[in-house]
């Protein structure tokens, strides 16, 4: 059975547009994104922005056979796209380390506004 995780990280005030621009860049570089997924052993990666009264958050859903291995592969990756991704996230996120939160998105309260920013699935998933 695959590991799944939902990461929640606070976005710095005034940095949401920069985050959206980066996610648009990722969508335009889909082949590179798939290559990094395969390197990291991820099956699925999807990012959302959640706007709430207490701030804006980046939610990232990850699915992998071994999520710890996927995190290690990402952190040590030499792929240009991963390097750029780390740089942008370091700039736009307030949290240095994400919290690993499990939330059922289907049960999100109506007052919450969660917008899908980016999603890619490994075409070679088992």
PDB file of N, CA and C in Angstrom:
ATOM      1  N   UNK A   1       0.839  -1.184   0.000  1.00  0.00           N
ATOM      2  CA  UNK A   1       0.000   0.000   0.000  1.00  0.00           C
ATOM      3  C   UNK A   1       0.883   1.247   0.000  1.00  0.00           C
ATOM      4  N   UNK A   2       0.490   2.235  -0.750  1.00  0.00           N
ATOM      5  CA  UNK A   2       1.266   3.474  -0.882  1.00  0.00           C
ATOM      6  C   UNK A   2       1.132   4.335   0.363  1.00  0.00           C
ATOM      7  N   UNK A   3       2.201   5.096   0.654  1.00  0.00           N
ATOM      8  CA  UNK A   3       2.159   6.124   1.691  1.00  0.00           C
ATOM      9  C   UNK A   3       1.552   7.377   1.081  1.00  0.00           C
ATOM     10  N   UNK A   4       0.722   8.067   1.846  1.00  0.00           N
ATOM     11  CA  UNK A   4       0.204   9.364   1.421  1.00  0.00           C
ATOM     12  C   UNK A   4       0.399  10.353   2.552  1.00  0.00           C
ATOM     13  N   UNK A   5       0.643  11.611   2.189  1.00  0.00           N
ATOM     14  CA  UNK A   5       0.830  12.661   3.175  1.00  0.00           C
ATOM     15  C   UNK A   5       0.301  13.963   2.610  1.00  0.00           C
ATOM     16  N   UNK A   6      -0.250  14.788   3.504  1.00  0.00           N
ATOM     17  CA  UNK A   6      -0.678  16.128   3.139  1.00  0.00           C
ATOM     18  C   UNK A   6       0.131  17.098   3.991  1.00  0.00           C
ATOM     19  N   UNK A   7       0.968  17.898   3.329  1.00  0.00           N
ATOM     20  CA  UNK A   7       1.800  18.880   4.016  1.00  0.00           C
ATOM     21  C   UNK A   7       1.094  20.223   4.014  1.00  0.00           C
ATOM     22  N   UNK A   8       1.204  20.945   5.115  1.00  0.00           N
ATOM     23  CA  UNK A   8       0.578  22.261   5.224  1.00  0.00           C
ATOM     24  C   UNK A   8       1.640  23.248   5.667  1.00  0.00           C
ATOM     25  N   UNK A   9       1.852  24.295   4.845  1.00  0.00           N
ATOM     26  CA  UNK A   9       2.868  25.299   5.140  1.00  0.00           C
ATOM     27  C   UNK A   9       2.284  26.687   4.929  1.00  0.00           C
ATOM     28  N   UNK A  10       2.558  27.582   5.871  1.00  0.00           N
ATOM     29  CA  UNK A  10       2.071  28.961   5.780  1.00  0.00           C
ATOM     30  C   UNK A  10       2.863  29.708   4.698  1.00  0.00           C
ATOM     31  N   UNK A  11       2.132  30.457   3.869  1.00  0.00           N
ATOM     32  CA  UNK A  11       2.742  31.300   2.842  1.00  0.00           C
ATOM     33  C   UNK A  11       2.977  32.678   3.449  1.00  0.00           C
ATOM     34  N   UNK A  12       4.159  33.236   3.211  1.00  0.00           N
ATOM     35  CA  UNK A  12       4.479  34.579   3.689  1.00  0.00           C
ATOM     36  C   UNK A  12       3.474  35.580   3.111  1.00  0.00           C
ATOM     37  N   UNK A  13       3.036  36.546   3.906  1.00  0.00           N
ATOM     38  CA  UNK A  13       2.136  37.578   3.374  1.00  0.00           C
ATOM     39  C   UNK A  13       2.750  38.246   2.142  1.00  0.00           C
ATOM     40  N   UNK A  14       1.925  38.426   1.124  1.00  0.00           N
ATOM     41  CA  UNK A  14       2.368  39.080  -0.105  1.00  0.00           C
ATOM     42  C   UNK A  14       3.114  38.173  -1.077  1.00  0.00           C
ATOM     43  N   UNK A  15       3.253  36.869  -0.768  1.00  0.00           N
ATOM     44  CA  UNK A  15       4.019  35.955  -1.625  1.00  0.00           C
ATOM     45  C   UNK A  15       3.141  34.967  -2.400  1.00  0.00           C
ATOM     46  N   UNK A  16       1.818  35.063  -2.243  1.00  0.00           N
ATOM     47  CA  UNK A  16       0.930  34.096  -2.894  1.00  0.00           C
ATOM     48  C   UNK A  16       1.015  34.173  -4.413  1.00  0.00           C
ATOM     49  N   UNK A  17       1.073  35.383  -4.973  1.00  0.00           N
ATOM     50  CA  UNK A  17       1.176  35.506  -6.429  1.00  0.00           C
ATOM     51  C   UNK A  17       2.469  34.901  -6.948  1.00  0.00           C
ATOM     52  N   UNK A  18       3.566  35.091  -6.226  1.00  0.00           N
ATOM     53  CA  UNK A  18       4.843  34.483  -6.623  1.00  0.00           C
ATOM     54  C   UNK A  18       4.727  32.960  -6.602  1.00  0.00           C
ATOM     55  N   UNK A  19       4.041  32.419  -5.590  1.00  0.00           N
ATOM     56  CA  UNK A  19       3.822  30.970  -5.517  1.00  0.00           C
ATOM     57  C   UNK A  19       2.998  30.492  -6.702  1.00  0.00           C
ATOM     58  N   UNK A  20       1.929  31.220  -7.027  1.00  0.00           N
ATOM     59  CA  UNK A  20       1.095  30.843  -8.180  1.00  0.00           C
ATOM     60  C   UNK A  20       1.905  30.877  -9.482  1.00  0.00           C
ATOM     61  N   UNK A  21       2.747  31.899  -9.636  1.00  0.00           N
ATOM     62  CA  UNK A  21       3.583  31.995 -10.840  1.00  0.00           C
ATOM     63  C   UNK A  21       4.525  30.798 -10.949  1.00  0.00           C
ATOM     64  N   UNK A  22       5.098  30.385  -9.819  1.00  0.00           N
ATOM     65  CA  UNK A  22       6.003  29.237  -9.843  1.00  0.00           C
ATOM     66  C   UNK A  22       5.245  27.962 -10.207  1.00  0.00           C
ATOM     67  N   UNK A  23       4.055  27.796  -9.668  1.00  0.00           N
ATOM     68  CA  UNK A  23       3.282  26.594  -9.983  1.00  0.00           C
ATOM     69  C   UNK A  23       2.886  26.577 -11.460  1.00  0.00           C
ATOM     70  N   UNK A  24       2.619  27.749 -12.030  1.00  0.00           N
ATOM     71  CA  UNK A  24       2.349  27.829 -13.473  1.00  0.00           C
ATOM     72  C   UNK A  24       3.589  27.419 -14.261  1.00  0.00           C
ATOM     73  N   UNK A  25       4.758  27.833 -13.776  1.00  0.00           N
ATOM     74  CA  UNK A  25       6.026  27.422 -14.399  1.00  0.00           C
ATOM     75  C   UNK A  25       6.183  25.905 -14.351  1.00  0.00           C
ATOM     76  N   UNK A  26       5.845  25.309 -13.208  1.00  0.00           N
ATOM     77  CA  UNK A  26       5.918  23.837 -13.093  1.00  0.00           C
ATOM     78  C   UNK A  26       4.992  23.168 -14.106  1.00  0.00           C
ATOM     79  N   UNK A  27       3.782  23.698 -14.247  1.00  0.00           N
ATOM     80  CA  UNK A  27       2.847  23.118 -15.225  1.00  0.00           C
ATOM     81  C   UNK A  27       3.414  23.199 -16.631  1.00  0.00           C
ATOM     82  N   UNK A  28       4.131  24.282 -16.945  1.00  0.00           N
ATOM     83  CA  UNK A  28       4.694  24.439 -18.289  1.00  0.00           C
ATOM     84  C   UNK A  28       5.913  23.534 -18.514  1.00  0.00           C
ATOM     85  N   UNK A  29       6.469  23.010 -17.442  1.00  0.00           N
ATOM     86  CA  UNK A  29       7.646  22.128 -17.529  1.00  0.00           C
ATOM     87  C   UNK A  29       7.287  20.712 -17.080  1.00  0.00           C
ATOM     88  N   UNK A  30       6.136  20.255 -17.532  1.00  0.00           N
ATOM     89  CA  UNK A  30       5.565  18.980 -17.089  1.00  0.00           C
ATOM     90  C   UNK A  30       6.524  17.799 -17.286  1.00  0.00           C
ATOM     91  N   UNK A  31       7.226  17.735 -18.413  1.00  0.00           N
ATOM     92  CA  UNK A  31       8.140  16.609 -18.647  1.00  0.00           C
ATOM     93  C   UNK A  31       9.227  16.542 -17.579  1.00  0.00           C
ATOM     94  N   UNK A  32       9.781  17.707 -17.223  1.00  0.00           N
ATOM     95  CA  UNK A  32      10.781  17.749 -16.154  1.00  0.00           C
ATOM     96  C   UNK A  32      10.168  17.350 -14.816  1.00  0.00           C
ATOM     97  N   UNK A  33       8.931  17.793 -14.570  1.00  0.00           N
ATOM     98  CA  UNK A  33       8.259  17.461 -13.314  1.00  0.00           C
ATOM     99  C   UNK A  33       8.044  15.955 -13.196  1.00  0.00           C
ATOM    100  N   UNK A  34       7.632  15.326 -14.281  1.00  0.00           N
ATOM    101  CA  UNK A  34       7.443  13.875 -14.272  1.00  0.00           C
ATOM    102  C   UNK A  34       8.779  13.178 -14.016  1.00  0.00           C
ATOM    103  N   UNK A  35       9.845  13.670 -14.633  1.00  0.00           N
ATOM    104  CA  UNK A  35      11.176  13.093 -14.422  1.00  0.00           C
ATOM    105  C   UNK A  35      11.571  13.151 -12.940  1.00  0.00           C
ATOM    106  N   UNK A  36      11.290  14.276 -12.279  1.00  0.00           N
ATOM    107  CA  UNK A  36      11.629  14.382 -10.853  1.00  0.00           C
ATOM    108  C   UNK A  36      10.742  13.467 -10.018  1.00  0.00           C
ATOM    109  N   UNK A  37       9.471  13.321 -10.391  1.00  0.00           N
ATOM    110  CA  UNK A  37       8.594  12.371  -9.692  1.00  0.00           C
ATOM    111  C   UNK A  37       9.173  10.971  -9.746  1.00  0.00           C
ATOM    112  N   UNK A  38       9.590  10.574 -10.923  1.00  0.00           N
ATOM    113  CA  UNK A  38      10.140   9.238 -11.096  1.00  0.00           C
ATOM    114  C   UNK A  38      11.406   9.059 -10.273  1.00  0.00           C
ATOM    115  N   UNK A  39      12.276  10.067 -10.268  1.00  0.00           N
ATOM    116  CA  UNK A  39      13.516  10.016  -9.483  1.00  0.00           C
ATOM    117  C   UNK A  39      13.210   9.860  -7.993  1.00  0.00           C
ATOM    118  N   UNK A  40      12.176  10.551  -7.523  1.00  0.00           N
ATOM    119  CA  UNK A  40      11.846  10.552  -6.101  1.00  0.00           C
ATOM    120  C   UNK A  40      10.972   9.371  -5.692  1.00  0.00           C
ATOM    121  N   UNK A  41      10.474   8.622  -6.659  1.00  0.00           N
ATOM    122  CA  UNK A  41       9.605   7.492  -6.336  1.00  0.00           C
ATOM    123  C   UNK A  41       8.191   7.915  -5.959  1.00  0.00           C
ATOM    124  N   UNK A  42       7.790   9.112  -6.397  1.00  0.00           N
ATOM    125  CA  UNK A  42       6.435   9.584  -6.128  1.00  0.00           C
ATOM    126  C   UNK A  42       5.480   9.072  -7.200  1.00  0.00           C
ATOM    127  N   UNK A  43       4.256   8.770  -6.782  1.00  0.00           N
ATOM    128  CA  UNK A  43       3.199   8.421  -7.721  1.00  0.00           C
ATOM    129  C   UNK A  43       2.412   9.677  -8.089  1.00  0.00           C
ATOM    130  N   UNK A  44       2.115  10.494  -7.081  1.00  0.00           N
ATOM    131  CA  UNK A  44       1.288  11.679  -7.290  1.00  0.00           C
ATOM    132  C   UNK A  44       1.806  12.819  -6.433  1.00  0.00           C
ATOM    133  N   UNK A  45       1.765  14.012  -6.989  1.00  0.00           N
ATOM    134  CA  UNK A  45       2.052  15.241  -6.251  1.00  0.00           C
ATOM    135  C   UNK A  45       1.026  16.272  -6.696  1.00  0.00           C
ATOM    136  N   UNK A  46       0.352  16.879  -5.742  1.00  0.00           N
ATOM    137  CA  UNK A  46      -0.627  17.920  -6.057  1.00  0.00           C
ATOM    138  C   UNK A  46      -0.489  19.026  -5.022  1.00  0.00           C
ATOM    139  N   UNK A  47      -0.495  20.268  -5.489  1.00  0.00           N
ATOM    140  CA  UNK A  47      -0.374  21.415  -4.593  1.00  0.00           C
ATOM    141  C   UNK A  47      -1.628  22.275  -4.697  1.00  0.00           C
ATOM    142  N   UNK A  48      -2.064  22.777  -3.547  1.00  0.00           N
ATOM    143  CA  UNK A  48      -3.241  23.622  -3.429  1.00  0.00           C
ATOM    144  C   UNK A  48      -2.864  24.847  -2.625  1.00  0.00           C
ATOM    145  N   UNK A  49      -3.579  25.939  -2.839  1.00  0.00           N
ATOM    146  CA  UNK A  49      -3.443  27.098  -1.962  1.00  0.00           C
ATOM    147  C   UNK A  49      -4.763  27.223  -1.200  1.00  0.00           C
ATOM    148  N   UNK A  50      -4.654  27.373   0.105  1.00  0.00           N
ATOM    149  CA  UNK A  50      -5.820  27.527   0.962  1.00  0.00           C
ATOM    150  C   UNK A  50      -5.802  28.936   1.536  1.00  0.00           C
ATOM    151  N   UNK A  51      -6.859  29.690   1.274  1.00  0.00           N
ATOM    152  CA  UNK A  51      -6.986  31.058   1.784  1.00  0.00           C
ATOM    153  C   UNK A  51      -7.972  31.040   2.942  1.00  0.00           C
ATOM    154  N   UNK A  52      -7.498  31.490   4.098  1.00  0.00           N
ATOM    155  CA  UNK A  52      -8.329  31.519   5.299  1.00  0.00           C
ATOM    156  C   UNK A  52      -8.173  32.881   5.971  1.00  0.00           C
ATOM    157  N   UNK A  53      -9.031  33.150   6.924  1.00  0.00           N
ATOM    158  CA  UNK A  53      -8.971  34.416   7.652  1.00  0.00           C
ATOM    159  C   UNK A  53      -7.637  34.582   8.368  1.00  0.00           C
ATOM    160  N   UNK A  54      -7.035  33.470   8.800  1.00  0.00           N
ATOM    161  CA  UNK A  54      -5.771  33.541   9.548  1.00  0.00           C
ATOM    162  C   UNK A  54      -4.540  33.394   8.665  1.00  0.00           C
ATOM    163  N   UNK A  55      -4.708  33.450   7.349  1.00  0.00           N
ATOM    164  CA  UNK A  55      -3.556  33.405   6.464  1.00  0.00           C
ATOM    165  C   UNK A  55      -3.770  32.525   5.250  1.00  0.00           C
ATOM    166  N   UNK A  56      -2.718  32.419   4.463  1.00  0.00           N
ATOM    167  CA  UNK A  56      -2.713  31.598   3.253  1.00  0.00           C
ATOM    168  C   UNK A  56      -1.737  30.458   3.474  1.00  0.00           C
ATOM    169  N   UNK A  57      -2.135  29.261   3.017  1.00  0.00           N
ATOM    170  CA  UNK A  57      -1.331  28.067   3.233  1.00  0.00           C
ATOM    171  C   UNK A  57      -1.136  27.311   1.921  1.00  0.00           C
ATOM    172  N   UNK A  58       0.031  26.712   1.771  1.00  0.00           N
ATOM    173  CA  UNK A  58       0.293  25.787   0.676  1.00  0.00           C
ATOM    174  C   UNK A  58       0.035  24.388   1.216  1.00  0.00           C
ATOM    175  N   UNK A  59      -0.854  23.658   0.554  1.00  0.00           N
ATOM    176  CA  UNK A  59      -1.128  22.269   0.893  1.00  0.00           C
ATOM    177  C   UNK A  59      -0.548  21.415  -0.226  1.00  0.00           C
ATOM    178  N   UNK A  60       0.248  20.430   0.135  1.00  0.00           N
ATOM    179  CA  UNK A  60       0.854  19.561  -0.868  1.00  0.00           C
ATOM    180  C   UNK A  60       0.517  18.118  -0.532  1.00  0.00           C
ATOM    181  N   UNK A  61      -0.142  17.451  -1.461  1.00  0.00           N
ATOM    182  CA  UNK A  61      -0.494  16.042  -1.329  1.00  0.00           C
ATOM    183  C   UNK A  61       0.561  15.226  -2.055  1.00  0.00           C
ATOM    184  N   UNK A  62       1.124  14.247  -1.361  1.00  0.00           N
ATOM    185  CA  UNK A  62       2.128  13.358  -1.950  1.00  0.00           C
ATOM    186  C   UNK A  62       1.705  11.914  -1.761  1.00  0.00           C
ATOM    187  N   UNK A  63       1.949  11.101  -2.781  1.00  0.00           N
ATOM    188  CA  UNK A  63       1.687   9.668  -2.720  1.00  0.00           C
ATOM    189  C   UNK A  63       2.922   8.950  -3.250  1.00  0.00           C
ATOM    190  N   UNK A  64       3.439   8.018  -2.454  1.00  0.00           N
ATOM    191  CA  UNK A  64       4.646   7.280  -2.849  1.00  0.00           C
ATOM    192  C   UNK A  64       4.631   5.908  -2.207  1.00  0.00           C
ATOM    193  N   UNK A  65       5.396   5.006  -2.755  1.00  0.00           N
ATOM    194  CA  UNK A  65       5.557   3.697  -2.114  1.00  0.00           C
ATOM    195  C   UNK A  65       6.252   3.866  -0.767  1.00  0.00           C
ATOM    196  N   UNK A  66       7.253   4.752  -0.707  1.00  0.00           N
ATOM    197  CA  UNK A  66       7.998   5.018   0.532  1.00  0.00           C
ATOM    198  C   UNK A  66       8.214   6.524   0.637  1.00  0.00           C
ATOM    199  N   UNK A  67       7.392   7.191   1.448  1.00  0.00           N
ATOM    200  CA  UNK A  67       7.420   8.658   1.501  1.00  0.00           C
ATOM    201  C   UNK A  67       8.736   9.178   2.072  1.00  0.00           C
ATOM    202  N   UNK A  68       9.335   8.479   3.032  1.00  0.00           N
ATOM    203  CA  UNK A  68      10.611   8.930   3.586  1.00  0.00           C
ATOM    204  C   UNK A  68      11.707   8.893   2.529  1.00  0.00           C
ATOM    205  N   UNK A  69      11.723   7.853   1.712  1.00  0.00           N
ATOM    206  CA  UNK A  69      12.687   7.766   0.607  1.00  0.00           C
ATOM    207  C   UNK A  69      12.454   8.898  -0.393  1.00  0.00           C
ATOM    208  N   UNK A  70      11.184   9.218  -0.651  1.00  0.00           N
ATOM    209  CA  UNK A  70      10.854  10.299  -1.582  1.00  0.00           C
ATOM    210  C   UNK A  70      11.388  11.637  -1.066  1.00  0.00           C
ATOM    211  N   UNK A  71      11.218  11.901   0.241  1.00  0.00           N
ATOM    212  CA  UNK A  71      11.732  13.148   0.819  1.00  0.00           C
ATOM    213  C   UNK A  71      13.252  13.206   0.714  1.00  0.00           C
ATOM    214  N   UNK A  72      13.912  12.095   1.008  1.00  0.00           N
ATOM    215  CA  UNK A  72      15.382  12.048   0.918  1.00  0.00           C
ATOM    216  C   UNK A  72      15.849  12.300  -0.505  1.00  0.00           C
ATOM    217  N   UNK A  73      15.179  11.691  -1.477  1.00  0.00           N
ATOM    218  CA  UNK A  73      15.556  11.864  -2.883  1.00  0.00           C
ATOM    219  C   UNK A  73      15.359  13.316  -3.322  1.00  0.00           C
ATOM    220  N   UNK A  74      14.289  13.948  -2.870  1.00  0.00           N
ATOM    221  CA  UNK A  74      14.042  15.356  -3.211  1.00  0.00           C
ATOM    222  C   UNK A  74      15.126  16.250  -2.615  1.00  0.00           C
ATOM    223  N   UNK A  75      15.430  16.051  -1.343  1.00  0.00           N
ATOM    224  CA  UNK A  75      16.413  16.898  -0.667  1.00  0.00           C
ATOM    225  C   UNK A  75      17.814  16.775  -1.279  1.00  0.00           C
ATOM    226  N   UNK A  76      18.143  15.602  -1.786  1.00  0.00           N
ATOM    227  CA  UNK A  76      19.478  15.400  -2.363  1.00  0.00           C
ATOM    228  C   UNK A  76      19.494  15.510  -3.888  1.00  0.00           C
ATOM    229  N   UNK A  77      18.365  15.820  -4.476  1.00  0.00           N
ATOM    230  CA  UNK A  77      18.249  15.873  -5.934  1.00  0.00           C
ATOM    231  C   UNK A  77      19.151  16.947  -6.534  1.00  0.00           C
ATOM    232  N   UNK A  78      19.728  16.607  -7.677  1.00  0.00           N
ATOM    233  CA  UNK A  78      20.524  17.570  -8.435  1.00  0.00           C
ATOM    234  C   UNK A  78      19.767  18.060  -9.678  1.00  0.00           C
ATOM    235  N   UNK A  79      18.511  17.645  -9.824  1.00  0.00           N
ATOM    236  CA  UNK A  79      17.692  18.126 -10.945  1.00  0.00           C
ATOM    237  C   UNK A  79      17.515  19.636 -10.817  1.00  0.00           C
ATOM    238  N   UNK A  80      17.667  20.336 -11.914  1.00  0.00           N
ATOM    239  CA  UNK A  80      17.520  21.789 -11.919  1.00  0.00           C
ATOM    240  C   UNK A  80      16.137  22.205 -11.416  1.00  0.00           C
ATOM    241  N   UNK A  81      15.101  21.496 -11.826  1.00  0.00           N
ATOM    242  CA  UNK A  81      13.749  21.849 -11.409  1.00  0.00           C
ATOM    243  C   UNK A  81      13.598  21.739  -9.888  1.00  0.00           C
ATOM    244  N   UNK A  82      14.161  20.705  -9.297  1.00  0.00           N
ATOM    245  CA  UNK A  82      14.094  20.561  -7.836  1.00  0.00           C
ATOM    246  C   UNK A  82      14.861  21.684  -7.136  1.00  0.00           C
ATOM    247  N   UNK A  83      16.014  22.057  -7.683  1.00  0.00           N
ATOM    248  CA  UNK A  83      16.796  23.145  -7.089  1.00  0.00           C
ATOM    249  C   UNK A  83      15.994  24.439  -7.118  1.00  0.00           C
ATOM    250  N   UNK A  84      15.391  24.743  -8.258  1.00  0.00           N
ATOM    251  CA  UNK A  84      14.582  25.950  -8.387  1.00  0.00           C
ATOM    252  C   UNK A  84      13.377  25.896  -7.450  1.00  0.00           C
ATOM    253  N   UNK A  85      12.767  24.717  -7.342  1.00  0.00           N
ATOM    254  CA  UNK A  85      11.597  24.544  -6.481  1.00  0.00           C
ATOM    255  C   UNK A  85      11.960  24.830  -5.020  1.00  0.00           C
ATOM    256  N   UNK A  86      13.073  24.283  -4.570  1.00  0.00           N
ATOM    257  CA  UNK A  86      13.522  24.531  -3.188  1.00  0.00           C
ATOM    258  C   UNK A  86      13.763  26.023  -2.957  1.00  0.00           C
ATOM    259  N   UNK A  87      14.378  26.698  -3.929  1.00  0.00           N
ATOM    260  CA  UNK A  87      14.655  28.132  -3.797  1.00  0.00           C
ATOM    261  C   UNK A  87      13.368  28.943  -3.670  1.00  0.00           C
ATOM    262  N   UNK A  88      12.392  28.650  -4.530  1.00  0.00           N
ATOM    263  CA  UNK A  88      11.134  29.396  -4.482  1.00  0.00           C
ATOM    264  C   UNK A  88      10.417  29.127  -3.164  1.00  0.00           C
ATOM    265  N   UNK A  89      10.338  27.878  -2.753  1.00  0.00           N
ATOM    266  CA  UNK A  89       9.640  27.565  -1.508  1.00  0.00           C
ATOM    267  C   UNK A  89      10.330  28.207  -0.308  1.00  0.00           C
ATOM    268  N   UNK A  90      11.650  28.224  -0.321  1.00  0.00           N
ATOM    269  CA  UNK A  90      12.376  28.898   0.771  1.00  0.00           C
ATOM    270  C   UNK A  90      12.009  30.373   0.845  1.00  0.00           C
ATOM    271  N   UNK A  91      11.743  30.970  -0.309  1.00  0.00           N
ATOM    272  CA  UNK A  91      11.431  32.399  -0.366  1.00  0.00           C
ATOM    273  C   UNK A  91       9.984  32.717   0.003  1.00  0.00           C
ATOM    274  N   UNK A  92       9.049  31.845  -0.388  1.00  0.00           N
ATOM    275  CA  UNK A  92       7.637  32.185  -0.217  1.00  0.00           C
ATOM    276  C   UNK A  92       6.978  31.578   1.020  1.00  0.00           C
ATOM    277  N   UNK A  93       7.599  30.576   1.619  1.00  0.00           N
ATOM    278  CA  UNK A  93       6.975  29.909   2.762  1.00  0.00           C
ATOM    279  C   UNK A  93       7.525  30.413   4.083  1.00  0.00           C
ATOM    280  N   UNK A  94       6.635  30.543   5.059  1.00  0.00           N
ATOM    281  CA  UNK A  94       7.032  30.985   6.394  1.00  0.00           C
ATOM    282  C   UNK A  94       7.584  29.829   7.212  1.00  0.00           C
ATOM    283  N   UNK A  95       7.107  28.626   6.971  1.00  0.00           N
ATOM    284  CA  UNK A  95       7.524  27.453   7.734  1.00  0.00           C
ATOM    285  C   UNK A  95       8.770  26.849   7.110  1.00  0.00           C
ATOM    286  N   UNK A  96       9.795  26.639   7.918  1.00  0.00           N
ATOM    287  CA  UNK A  96      11.002  25.994   7.409  1.00  0.00           C
ATOM    288  C   UNK A  96      10.724  24.521   7.154  1.00  0.00           C
ATOM    289  N   UNK A  97      10.109  23.846   8.106  1.00  0.00           N
ATOM    290  CA  UNK A  97       9.754  22.436   7.962  1.00  0.00           C
ATOM    291  C   UNK A  97       8.242  22.316   7.943  1.00  0.00           C
ATOM    292  N   UNK A  98       7.681  21.620   6.954  1.00  0.00           N
ATOM    293  CA  UNK A  98       6.226  21.488   6.909  1.00  0.00           C
ATOM    294  C   UNK A  98       5.716  20.587   8.026  1.00  0.00           C
ATOM    295  N   UNK A  99       4.500  20.879   8.460  1.00  0.00           N
ATOM    296  CA  UNK A  99       3.813  19.973   9.369  1.00  0.00           C
ATOM    297  C   UNK A  99       3.238  18.857   8.508  1.00  0.00           C
ATOM    298  N   UNK A 100       3.294  17.652   9.008  1.00  0.00           N
ATOM    299  CA  UNK A 100       2.615  16.562   8.300  1.00  0.00           C
ATOM    300  C   UNK A 100       1.226  16.435   8.887  1.00  0.00           C
ATOM    301  N   UNK A 101       0.275  17.002   8.191  1.00  0.00           N
ATOM    302  CA  UNK A 101      -1.111  16.985   8.639  1.00  0.00           C
ATOM    303  C   UNK A 101      -1.907  16.063   7.734  1.00  0.00           C
ATOM    304  N   UNK A 102      -2.826  15.355   8.311  1.00  0.00           N
ATOM    305  CA  UNK A 102      -3.731  14.534   7.519  1.00  0.00           C
ATOM    306  C   UNK A 102      -5.100  15.167   7.610  1.00  0.00           C
ATOM    307  N   UNK A 103      -5.597  15.643   6.486  1.00  0.00           N
ATOM    308  CA  UNK A 103      -6.935  16.208   6.412  1.00  0.00           C
ATOM    309  C   UNK A 103      -7.655  15.522   5.265  1.00  0.00           C
ATOM    310  N   UNK A 104      -8.926  15.250   5.472  1.00  0.00           N
ATOM    311  CA  UNK A 104      -9.739  14.685   4.406  1.00  0.00           C
ATOM    312  C   UNK A 104     -10.328  15.856   3.628  1.00  0.00           C
ATOM    313  N   UNK A 105      -9.835  16.076   2.415  1.00  0.00           N
ATOM    314  CA  UNK A 105     -10.257  17.238   1.643  1.00  0.00           C
ATOM    315  C   UNK A 105     -11.738  17.201   1.300  1.00  0.00           C
ATOM    316  N   UNK A 106     -12.318  16.020   1.220  1.00  0.00           N
ATOM    317  CA  UNK A 106     -13.746  15.925   0.904  1.00  0.00           C
ATOM    318  C   UNK A 106     -14.608  16.475   2.030  1.00  0.00           C
ATOM    319  N   UNK A 107     -14.046  16.610   3.233  1.00  0.00           N
ATOM    320  CA  UNK A 107     -14.808  17.095   4.374  1.00  0.00           C
ATOM    321  C   UNK A 107     -14.429  18.527   4.739  1.00  0.00           C
ATOM    322  N   UNK A 108     -13.841  19.256   3.811  1.00  0.00           N
ATOM    323  CA  UNK A 108     -13.451  20.638   4.063  1.00  0.00           C
ATOM    324  C   UNK A 108     -14.703  21.473   4.317  1.00  0.00           C
ATOM    325  N   UNK A 109     -14.647  22.319   5.349  1.00  0.00           N
ATOM    326  CA  UNK A 109     -15.789  23.170   5.670  1.00  0.00           C
ATOM    327  C   UNK A 109     -16.027  24.179   4.550  1.00  0.00           C
ATOM    328  N   UNK A 110     -17.284  24.584   4.360  1.00  0.00           N
ATOM    329  CA  UNK A 110     -17.609  25.499   3.265  1.00  0.00           C
ATOM    330  C   UNK A 110     -16.895  26.847   3.351  1.00  0.00           C
ATOM    331  N   UNK A 111     -16.549  27.312   4.554  1.00  0.00           N
ATOM    332  CA  UNK A 111     -15.889  28.617   4.664  1.00  0.00           C
ATOM    333  C   UNK A 111     -14.425  28.579   4.238  1.00  0.00           C
ATOM    334  N   UNK A 112     -13.903  27.403   3.958  1.00  0.00           N
ATOM    335  CA  UNK A 112     -12.523  27.288   3.514  1.00  0.00           C
ATOM    336  C   UNK A 112     -12.476  27.356   2.003  1.00  0.00           C
ATOM    337  N   UNK A 113     -11.461  28.024   1.478  1.00  0.00           N
ATOM    338  CA  UNK A 113     -11.303  28.189   0.041  1.00  0.00           C
ATOM    339  C   UNK A 113      -9.970  27.567  -0.335  1.00  0.00           C
ATOM    340  N   UNK A 114     -10.008  26.369  -0.933  1.00  0.00           N
ATOM    341  CA  UNK A 114      -8.789  25.667  -1.328  1.00  0.00           C
ATOM    342  C   UNK A 114      -8.776  25.583  -2.850  1.00  0.00           C
ATOM    343  N   UNK A 115      -7.702  26.081  -3.451  1.00  0.00           N
ATOM    344  CA  UNK A 115      -7.570  26.163  -4.907  1.00  0.00           C
ATOM    345  C   UNK A 115      -6.413  25.270  -5.358  1.00  0.00           C
ATOM    346  N   UNK A 116      -6.677  24.342  -6.285  1.00  0.00           N
ATOM    347  CA  UNK A 116      -5.628  23.499  -6.842  1.00  0.00           C
ATOM    348  C   UNK A 116      -4.673  24.357  -7.654  1.00  0.00           C
ATOM    349  N   UNK A 117      -3.362  24.242  -7.352  1.00  0.00           N
ATOM    350  CA  UNK A 117      -2.346  24.988  -8.087  1.00  0.00           C
ATOM    351  C   UNK A 117      -1.601  24.113  -9.088  1.00  0.00           C
ATOM    352  N   UNK A 118      -1.368  22.860  -8.727  1.00  0.00           N
ATOM    353  CA  UNK A 118      -0.483  22.019  -9.525  1.00  0.00           C
ATOM    354  C   UNK A 118      -0.723  20.577  -9.149  1.00  0.00           C
ATOM    355  N   UNK A 119      -0.719  19.683 -10.126  1.00  0.00           N
ATOM    356  CA  UNK A 119      -0.837  18.260  -9.854  1.00  0.00           C
ATOM    357  C   UNK A 119      -0.179  17.514 -10.999  1.00  0.00           C
ATOM    358  N   UNK A 120       0.627  16.528 -10.656  1.00  0.00           N
ATOM    359  CA  UNK A 120       1.249  15.684 -11.669  1.00  0.00           C
ATOM    360  C   UNK A 120       1.259  14.254 -11.144  1.00  0.00           C
ATOM    361  N   UNK A 121       1.015  13.303 -12.033  1.00  0.00           N
ATOM    362  CA  UNK A 121       1.005  11.895 -11.665  1.00  0.00           C
ATOM    363  C   UNK A 121       2.039  11.171 -12.494  1.00  0.00           C
ATOM    364  N   UNK A 122       2.777  10.296 -11.850  1.00  0.00           N
ATOM    365  CA  UNK A 122       3.790   9.499 -12.518  1.00  0.00           C
ATOM    366  C   UNK A 122       3.088   8.514 -13.454  1.00  0.00           C
ATOM    367  N   UNK A 123       3.325   8.572 -14.763  1.00  0.00           N
ATOM    368  CA  UNK A 123       2.646   7.672 -15.689  1.00  0.00           C
ATOM    369  C   UNK A 123       3.104   6.223 -15.549  1.00  0.00           C
ATOM    370  N   UNK A 124       4.201   5.997 -14.836  1.00  0.00           N
ATOM    371  CA  UNK A 124       4.722   4.645 -14.663  1.00  0.00           C
ATOM    372  C   UNK A 124       4.363   4.047 -13.297  1.00  0.00           C
ATOM    373  N   UNK A 125       3.390   4.640 -12.619  1.00  0.00           N
ATOM    374  CA  UNK A 125       3.006   4.123 -11.305  1.00  0.00           C
ATOM    375  C   UNK A 125       2.487   2.707 -11.436  1.00  0.00           C
ATOM    376  N   UNK A 126       2.724   1.901 -10.411  1.00  0.00           N
ATOM    377  CA  UNK A 126       2.245   0.500 -10.488  1.00  0.00           C
ATOM    378  C   UNK A 126       0.745   0.394 -10.412  1.00  0.00           C
TER     379      UNK A 126
END
